[in-house]
Each structure stands twice: as structure tokens, then as C-alpha cells.
Protein backbone atom coordinates (compact mmCIF):
# COMPACT_ATOMS: atom_id res chain seq x y z
CA MET A 1 27.71 9.02 -5.63
CA GLY A 2 26.99 6.54 -2.86
CA GLY A 3 24.08 8.63 -1.59
CA PHE A 4 22.49 8.59 -5.04
CA ILE A 5 22.76 4.81 -5.21
CA ILE A 6 21.18 4.50 -1.76
CA THR A 7 18.34 6.79 -2.91
CA ILE A 8 17.76 4.63 -6.00
CA ILE A 9 17.64 1.48 -3.86
CA ILE A 10 15.14 3.13 -1.50
CA ALA A 11 13.01 4.21 -4.47
CA LEU A 12 13.01 0.69 -5.91
CA ILE A 13 11.95 -0.86 -2.62
CA ALA A 14 9.29 1.80 -1.97
CA GLY A 15 8.03 1.52 -5.55
CA TRP A 16 7.70 -2.23 -5.24
CA LEU A 17 5.94 -1.89 -1.88
CA GLY A 18 3.65 0.87 -3.18
CA ASN A 19 2.76 -1.31 -6.16
CA SER A 20 1.96 -4.19 -3.80
CA ILE A 21 -0.15 -2.07 -1.44
CA THR A 22 -2.48 -0.69 -4.09
CA GLY A 23 -3.28 -4.07 -5.64
CA LYS A 24 -3.91 -4.84 -9.32
CA GLN A 25 -0.30 -5.14 -10.34
CA MET A 26 0.69 -4.88 -13.96
CA SER A 27 4.03 -6.17 -15.19
CA GLY A 28 5.34 -2.89 -16.63
CA ASP A 29 3.78 -0.70 -13.97
CA ILE A 30 6.53 -1.28 -11.39
CA TRP A 31 9.06 0.76 -13.35
CA GLY A 32 6.75 3.75 -13.63
CA VAL A 33 6.11 3.64 -9.90
CA CYS A 34 9.84 3.44 -9.18
CA VAL A 35 10.51 6.45 -11.39
CA VAL A 36 7.90 8.41 -9.43
CA ALA A 37 9.28 7.14 -6.10
CA LEU A 38 12.80 8.40 -6.89
CA PRO A 39 11.98 12.13 -6.52
CA GLY A 40 9.94 11.24 -3.43
CA ALA A 41 12.96 9.52 -1.89
CA TRP A 42 15.17 12.46 -2.80
CA ILE A 43 12.77 14.97 -1.25
CA GLY A 44 12.39 12.91 1.92
CA ALA A 45 16.13 12.45 2.28
CA TYR A 46 16.95 16.15 2.15
CA MET A 47 13.82 17.90 3.48
CA PRO A 48 14.72 20.19 6.39
CA TYR A 49 13.40 19.21 9.84
CA PHE A 50 12.04 15.96 8.39
CA ASN A 51 15.38 14.28 7.81
CA THR A 52 16.51 14.58 11.43
CA PHE A 53 15.04 11.34 12.71
CA GLY A 54 16.02 7.79 11.92
CA PRO A 55 19.31 6.30 10.86
CA LYS A 56 21.46 7.85 8.16
CA LEU A 57 23.55 6.07 5.58
CA MET A 58 25.95 8.18 3.52
CA ASP A 59 24.12 11.31 4.69
CA ILE A 60 20.75 9.95 3.49
CA ALA A 61 18.02 9.82 6.15
CA LEU A 62 16.60 6.36 5.48
CA ILE A 63 13.18 6.53 7.16
CA PRO A 64 12.05 9.90 5.74
CA ALA A 65 13.34 8.97 2.28
CA PHE A 66 11.47 5.67 2.37
CA LEU A 67 8.25 7.23 3.68
CA CYS A 68 8.19 9.99 1.07
CA ALA A 69 8.99 7.54 -1.73
CA LEU A 70 6.22 5.23 -0.53
CA VAL A 71 3.70 8.08 -0.38
CA ALA A 72 4.68 9.22 -3.89
CA ALA A 73 4.33 5.66 -5.24
CA VAL A 74 0.91 5.14 -3.66
CA ILE A 75 -0.38 8.53 -4.85
CA PHE A 76 0.83 7.75 -8.38
CA LYS A 77 -0.95 4.39 -8.41
CA VAL A 78 -4.20 5.83 -7.04
CA VAL A 79 -4.22 8.74 -9.49
CA ARG A 80 -3.46 6.40 -12.37
CA ARG A 81 -6.28 4.03 -11.35
CA VAL A 82 -8.78 6.91 -11.03
CA ALA A 83 -7.74 8.32 -14.41
CA LYS A 84 -8.13 4.89 -16.00
CA GLN A 85 -11.61 4.46 -14.53
CA ALA A 86 -12.67 7.94 -15.61
CA SER A 87 -11.75 7.35 -19.24
């Protein structure tokens, strides 16, 4: 249970940072980015050979989880912006 809470915290931080990096922030957009960052954090935390570096907290590799969540958040924001411009 503690590992899941750590993953949620990582996803929230990465979602907030991903929202800040891509610019043009909307008030409700942060929650959508955090929901997308959660699977990214989960994948990064448990991906074989990728979760071997960095510190671990409750068996969660912090650096890979944060990096994957951040990448997922940024990709989501970019895809959403491109889709909005195309329509």
C-alpha cells in the first residue's frame, strides 16, 4: 500500500512539472496530466533493467518512476495541444 501512495505522489509531482514545462496551463488540465503520469510512474518503477539505478523507497525506484511519469505527462500535453490546433 505504501508503494502505491509513493507512486501517486511521484505522478502528482511529475504531472505538475510536465504541465509547467509545456506552458499554457489550464486550471483543470493538471488532473488529466496527473492521471496520465500515474501509469508512467508505475511503468518506470517496475520496468526491468531500468529500475536498478537511483534510490528506492518502499521498493519503488524513484528516479525511473519520476522520469517515466514526466515523459508521459509531457507527451500527453504535446499530443493534446497538437490535436487542439488541428481541430
